[in-house]
Amino acid sequence: MPILANLHAGIAGRQATLLTATGASRTAFSKSMDHLIEIGLLERNPGHGHPLRPEFRLTPLGKGAAEMAHNIHSVTRGEDQTLLRRTWTVPILTSLYRPRHFNEIRGTLPAITDRALSQSLISMEDRNWVRRSVIETARPPRPIYSAVNAGEMISRITGPEISLVT
């Protein structure tokens, strides 16, 4: 996400410039770039750069994703950026465009384990991105989760209707 946000903000597509702007390790950066190319959001800029120092540009699909990444980064700061880098944070917030029970969230994310979902919800609750409320009238009482504060803004930005992969 930081790579896309920086490209949208006008940071040059040179590898060294992006690496510095994102603050990632070389290994993590390289894997992220490979993944972004693989899913069609980035491409090497043909005719520019050196094989050991390539330049990159956004694809048409990547431009929309980069705008979304930029919007998400604009509502988060400092330690919140760390939470955004966790694997399940954005998918969970995307599913919380309306309040949901634990099993409903898990149903929208088939690949997530119960443990990963639980730990992610706890982390986001600690940062005040998610609120856990218990519905006492239900038998048995069931918690319901809703996005709040920065989590709510991210949920609105990503929304249920947005899909990056066609």
Protein backbone atom coordinates (compact mmCIF):
# COMPACT_ATOMS: atom_id res chain seq x y z
CA MET A 1 0.00 0.00 0.00
CA PRO A 2 2.79 2.54 0.73
CA ILE A 3 4.26 1.94 -2.72
CA LEU A 4 0.95 2.67 -4.44
CA ALA A 5 0.26 5.69 -2.20
CA ASN A 6 3.69 7.16 -3.00
CA LEU A 7 3.27 6.61 -6.74
CA HIS A 8 -0.11 8.34 -6.60
CA ALA A 9 1.42 11.24 -4.64
CA GLY A 10 3.87 11.85 -7.48
CA ILE A 11 6.99 10.14 -6.17
CA ALA A 12 9.08 9.11 -9.18
CA GLY A 13 8.82 5.46 -10.19
CA ARG A 14 12.51 4.80 -9.69
CA GLN A 15 13.26 1.85 -7.47
CA ALA A 16 15.66 3.73 -5.14
CA THR A 17 13.26 6.65 -4.70
CA LEU A 18 10.33 4.38 -3.88
CA LEU A 19 12.43 2.27 -1.52
CA THR A 20 13.47 5.37 0.41
CA ALA A 21 9.93 6.81 0.47
CA THR A 22 8.35 3.60 1.78
CA GLY A 23 10.98 2.81 4.40
CA ALA A 24 10.71 -0.92 3.67
CA SER A 25 13.58 -3.37 3.72
CA ARG A 26 15.02 -4.30 0.32
CA THR A 27 13.62 -7.83 0.55
CA ALA A 28 10.12 -6.73 1.55
CA PHE A 29 10.16 -4.01 -1.09
CA SER A 30 11.26 -6.44 -3.81
CA LYS A 31 8.55 -8.96 -2.88
CA SER A 32 5.93 -6.21 -2.79
CA MET A 33 6.98 -4.92 -6.23
CA ASP A 34 6.88 -8.45 -7.68
CA HIS A 35 3.42 -8.97 -6.20
CA LEU A 36 2.11 -5.64 -7.53
CA ILE A 37 3.40 -6.52 -10.99
CA GLU A 38 1.93 -10.02 -10.76
CA ILE A 39 -1.57 -8.75 -9.90
CA GLY A 40 -1.40 -6.12 -12.63
CA LEU A 41 -1.18 -2.89 -10.65
CA LEU A 42 2.39 -1.99 -11.69
CA GLU A 43 4.59 -2.56 -14.71
CA ARG A 44 8.17 -1.85 -15.58
CA ASN A 45 8.46 1.39 -17.51
CA PRO A 46 9.78 0.20 -20.88
CA GLY A 47 12.78 2.09 -22.18
CA HIS A 48 13.52 3.69 -18.82
CA GLY A 49 15.92 2.78 -16.08
CA HIS A 50 18.67 0.21 -15.93
CA PRO A 51 18.09 -3.54 -15.43
CA LEU A 52 19.56 -3.25 -11.93
CA ARG A 53 17.76 0.05 -11.21
CA PRO A 54 14.40 -0.25 -12.97
CA GLU A 55 11.62 2.31 -13.16
CA PHE A 56 7.99 1.43 -12.65
CA ARG A 57 4.64 2.93 -13.59
CA LEU A 58 1.04 2.32 -12.64
CA THR A 59 -1.21 0.34 -14.96
CA PRO A 60 -4.75 1.65 -15.58
CA LEU A 61 -6.01 -0.73 -12.86
CA GLY A 62 -3.14 0.41 -10.64
CA LYS A 63 -4.15 4.06 -10.92
CA GLY A 64 -7.45 3.36 -9.16
CA ALA A 65 -5.74 1.23 -6.53
CA ALA A 66 -3.09 3.93 -6.00
CA GLU A 67 -5.75 6.59 -5.46
CA MET A 68 -7.45 4.36 -2.88
CA ALA A 69 -4.10 3.66 -1.16
CA HIS A 70 -3.34 7.39 -1.07
CA ASN A 71 -6.75 8.12 0.47
CA ILE A 72 -6.24 5.43 3.11
CA HIS A 73 -2.78 6.73 3.97
CA SER A 74 -4.12 10.27 4.28
CA VAL A 75 -6.38 9.22 7.19
CA THR A 76 -3.67 7.32 9.09
CA ARG A 77 -0.50 8.48 10.77
CA GLY A 78 2.52 7.03 12.61
CA GLU A 79 1.77 3.79 14.43
CA ASP A 80 -1.47 3.37 12.50
CA GLN A 81 0.63 2.79 9.37
CA THR A 82 2.01 -0.36 11.05
CA LEU A 83 -1.50 -1.66 11.60
CA LEU A 84 -2.31 -1.02 7.94
CA ARG A 85 0.61 -3.20 6.85
CA ARG A 86 -0.83 -6.25 8.57
CA THR A 87 -2.30 -8.78 6.19
CA TRP A 88 -5.95 -8.72 7.22
CA THR A 89 -6.54 -5.13 8.37
CA VAL A 90 -7.88 -3.65 5.13
CA PRO A 91 -9.96 -6.72 4.11
CA ILE A 92 -11.59 -6.80 7.56
CA LEU A 93 -12.33 -3.07 7.49
CA THR A 94 -13.75 -3.46 3.99
CA SER A 95 -16.20 -6.05 5.32
CA LEU A 96 -17.19 -3.71 8.19
CA TYR A 97 -18.97 -1.18 5.96
CA ARG A 98 -21.89 -2.14 8.20
CA PRO A 99 -21.85 -3.71 11.71
CA ARG A 100 -21.29 -7.48 11.60
CA HIS A 101 -20.96 -10.49 13.87
CA PHE A 102 -17.70 -12.45 13.97
CA ASN A 103 -19.03 -15.27 11.75
CA GLU A 104 -20.35 -12.78 9.21
CA ILE A 105 -16.91 -11.17 8.92
CA ARG A 106 -15.31 -14.60 8.58
CA GLY A 107 -17.86 -15.46 5.88
CA THR A 108 -16.73 -12.50 3.76
CA LEU A 109 -13.07 -13.58 4.08
CA PRO A 110 -12.97 -17.35 3.40
CA ALA A 111 -9.16 -17.62 3.68
CA ILE A 112 -8.90 -16.11 7.18
CA THR A 113 -8.55 -18.32 10.25
CA ASP A 114 -10.52 -17.71 13.44
CA ARG A 115 -7.30 -16.87 15.26
CA ALA A 116 -6.14 -14.35 12.64
CA LEU A 117 -9.55 -12.66 12.61
CA SER A 118 -9.72 -12.53 16.39
CA GLN A 119 -6.20 -11.09 16.75
CA SER A 120 -6.83 -8.54 14.00
CA LEU A 121 -10.08 -7.39 15.58
CA ILE A 122 -8.36 -7.05 18.97
CA SER A 123 -5.52 -5.00 17.42
CA MET A 124 -7.97 -2.71 15.66
CA GLU A 125 -10.08 -2.40 18.81
CA ASP A 126 -6.94 -1.40 20.77
CA ARG A 127 -6.28 1.36 18.19
CA ASN A 128 -9.94 2.42 18.34
CA TRP A 129 -10.59 1.50 14.71
CA VAL A 130 -13.20 -1.12 15.60
CA ARG A 131 -15.82 -1.12 18.35
CA ARG A 132 -17.04 -4.35 19.88
CA SER A 133 -20.55 -4.19 21.35
CA VAL A 134 -22.43 -7.04 22.97
CA ILE A 135 -26.10 -7.51 22.15
CA GLU A 136 -27.49 -8.54 25.52
CA THR A 137 -30.99 -9.28 24.22
CA ALA A 138 -29.72 -12.09 22.01
CA ARG A 139 -29.46 -15.55 23.52
CA PRO A 140 -26.64 -16.25 23.94
CA PRO A 141 -25.34 -12.66 24.00
CA ARG A 142 -23.35 -12.03 20.80
CA PRO A 143 -20.73 -9.40 20.08
CA ILE A 144 -21.11 -7.22 17.03
CA TYR A 145 -18.24 -5.30 15.45
CA SER A 146 -18.38 -1.94 13.73
CA ALA A 147 -15.71 0.28 12.20
CA VAL A 148 -15.15 3.61 13.98
CA ASN A 149 -12.84 6.63 13.62
CA ALA A 150 -10.01 5.95 11.13
CA GLY A 151 -11.33 2.40 10.65
CA GLU A 152 -14.67 3.80 9.52
CA MET A 153 -12.99 6.16 7.05
CA ILE A 154 -10.95 3.30 5.59
CA SER A 155 -14.08 1.16 5.41
CA ARG A 156 -15.86 3.91 3.47
CA ILE A 157 -12.89 4.40 1.14
CA THR A 158 -12.61 0.70 0.30
CA GLY A 159 -16.36 0.03 0.40
CA PRO A 160 -18.10 -3.21 -0.51
CA GLU A 161 -18.52 -2.30 -4.17
CA ILE A 162 -14.81 -1.74 -4.84
CA SER A 163 -12.84 -4.59 -6.34
CA LEU A 164 -9.24 -4.15 -7.45
CA VAL A 165 -9.04 -7.40 -9.39
CA THR A 166 -11.45 -7.77 -12.27
